[in-house]
C-alpha atoms as a PDB file:
ATOM      1  CA  MET A   1     -19.176  21.949 121.134  1.00  0.00           C
ATOM      2  CA  ALA A   2     -18.367  20.079 117.905  1.00  0.00           C
ATOM      3  CA  LYS A   3     -21.803  18.473 118.030  1.00  0.00           C
ATOM      4  CA  ARG A   4     -23.437  21.895 118.119  1.00  0.00           C
ATOM      5  CA  ALA A   5     -21.401  23.100 115.123  1.00  0.00           C
ATOM      6  CA  ALA A   6     -22.515  20.092 113.095  1.00  0.00           C
ATOM      7  CA  THR A   7     -26.159  20.862 113.861  1.00  0.00           C
ATOM      8  CA  GLU A   8     -25.765  24.476 112.792  1.00  0.00           C
ATOM      9  CA  THR A   9     -24.107  23.418 109.545  1.00  0.00           C
ATOM     10  CA  SER A  10     -26.887  20.994 108.639  1.00  0.00           C
ATOM     11  CA  THR A  11     -29.493  23.687 109.340  1.00  0.00           C
ATOM     12  CA  ALA A  12     -27.655  26.185 107.142  1.00  0.00           C
ATOM     13  CA  THR A  13     -27.475  23.756 104.218  1.00  0.00           C
ATOM     14  CA  SER A  14     -31.181  22.882 104.461  1.00  0.00           C
ATOM     15  CA  GLU A  15     -32.057  26.592 104.140  1.00  0.00           C
ATOM     16  CA  ALA A  16     -29.720  27.080 101.170  1.00  0.00           C
ATOM     17  CA  LYS A  17     -31.214  27.528  97.716  1.00  0.00           C
ATOM     18  CA  LYS A  18     -31.569  24.323  95.705  1.00  0.00           C
ATOM     19  CA  ILE A  19     -31.382  23.831  91.967  1.00  0.00           C
ATOM     20  CA  GLN A  20     -32.519  20.871  89.890  1.00  0.00           C
ATOM     21  CA  VAL A  21     -30.334  19.656  87.048  1.00  0.00           C
ATOM     22  CA  LYS A  22     -31.643  17.338  84.307  1.00  0.00           C
ATOM     23  CA  LEU A  23     -29.580  15.614  81.614  1.00  0.00           C
ATOM     24  CA  VAL A  24     -31.379  16.273  78.313  1.00  0.00           C
ATOM     25  CA  ARG A  25     -28.612  15.483  75.780  1.00  0.00           C
ATOM     26  CA  SER A  26     -26.161  12.615  75.752  1.00  0.00           C
ATOM     27  CA  PRO A  27     -22.504  13.371  76.514  1.00  0.00           C
ATOM     28  CA  ILE A  28     -21.446  10.757  73.933  1.00  0.00           C
ATOM     29  CA  GLY A  29     -19.226  12.406  71.347  1.00  0.00           C
ATOM     30  CA  TYR A  30     -18.084  15.204  73.648  1.00  0.00           C
ATOM     31  CA  GLU A  31     -14.730  15.652  75.372  1.00  0.00           C
ATOM     32  CA  LYS A  32     -13.848  13.324  78.226  1.00  0.00           C
ATOM     33  CA  SER A  33     -13.750  16.249  80.666  1.00  0.00           C
ATOM     34  CA  GLN A  34     -17.369  17.083  79.827  1.00  0.00           C
ATOM     35  CA  LYS A  35     -18.436  13.472  80.363  1.00  0.00           C
ATOM     36  CA  GLU A  36     -16.668  13.492  83.724  1.00  0.00           C
ATOM     37  CA  THR A  37     -18.384  16.735  84.697  1.00  0.00           C
ATOM     38  CA  VAL A  38     -21.797  15.218  83.953  1.00  0.00           C
ATOM     39  CA  ARG A  39     -20.888  12.219  86.136  1.00  0.00           C
ATOM     40  CA  ALA A  40     -19.600  14.506  88.902  1.00  0.00           C
ATOM     41  CA  LEU A  41     -22.991  16.225  88.937  1.00  0.00           C
ATOM     42  CA  GLY A  42     -24.482  12.804  89.706  1.00  0.00           C
ATOM     43  CA  LEU A  43     -26.131  12.274  86.332  1.00  0.00           C
ATOM     44  CA  LYS A  44     -25.872   8.725  85.009  1.00  0.00           C
ATOM     45  CA  ARG A  45     -28.623   8.443  82.424  1.00  0.00           C
ATOM     46  CA  MET A  46     -30.757  10.546  80.124  1.00  0.00           C
ATOM     47  CA  HIS A  47     -33.672  12.503  81.652  1.00  0.00           C
ATOM     48  CA  GLN A  48     -32.381  11.874  85.169  1.00  0.00           C
ATOM     49  CA  THR A  49     -32.877  14.796  87.550  1.00  0.00           C
ATOM     50  CA  VAL A  50     -30.705  15.556  90.571  1.00  0.00           C
ATOM     51  CA  GLU A  51     -30.903  18.329  93.149  1.00  0.00           C
ATOM     52  CA  HIS A  52     -27.870  20.332  94.257  1.00  0.00           C
ATOM     53  CA  THR A  53     -27.262  23.197  96.626  1.00  0.00           C
ATOM     54  CA  ASP A  54     -26.739  26.386  94.648  1.00  0.00           C
ATOM     55  CA  SER A  55     -23.039  27.246  94.976  1.00  0.00           C
ATOM     56  CA  PRO A  56     -20.331  28.724  92.751  1.00  0.00           C
ATOM     57  CA  VAL A  57     -18.730  25.284  92.361  1.00  0.00           C
ATOM     58  CA  VAL A  58     -21.924  23.665  91.104  1.00  0.00           C
ATOM     59  CA  ARG A  59     -22.697  26.681  88.901  1.00  0.00           C
ATOM     60  CA  GLY A  60     -19.263  26.351  87.279  1.00  0.00           C
ATOM     61  CA  MET A  61     -19.847  22.671  86.555  1.00  0.00           C
ATOM     62  CA  ILE A  62     -23.256  23.438  85.076  1.00  0.00           C
ATOM     63  CA  ASN A  63     -21.787  26.219  82.942  1.00  0.00           C
ATOM     64  CA  LYS A  64     -19.213  23.822  81.490  1.00  0.00           C
ATOM     65  CA  VAL A  65     -21.876  21.430  80.181  1.00  0.00           C
ATOM     66  CA  LYS A  66     -24.863  23.771  79.867  1.00  0.00           C
ATOM     67  CA  HIS A  67     -25.532  22.519  76.323  1.00  0.00           C
ATOM     68  CA  LEU A  68     -26.357  19.074  77.767  1.00  0.00           C
ATOM     69  CA  LEU A  69     -28.503  20.144  80.729  1.00  0.00           C
ATOM     70  CA  ALA A  70     -31.781  21.730  81.713  1.00  0.00           C
ATOM     71  CA  VAL A  71     -31.591  23.688  84.979  1.00  0.00           C
ATOM     72  CA  THR A  72     -34.571  24.572  87.185  1.00  0.00           C
ATOM     73  CA  GLU A  73     -34.078  26.954  90.074  1.00  0.00           C
END
């Protein structure tokens, strides 16, 4: 039964809405918490783009550093 639940979960996440996040400004000179948020989003260098599942947690992280990012839905 656990195997079936795992399959259903992976199917649900693949159907979830995705958003692309791109680092367009450097976090140098900003608070440490903002730098850590950029890293937590998976962004390591300028103009790097990552894809995340659209969720309230990710939206909150994006909102914290929105001045450094470009978001495509």
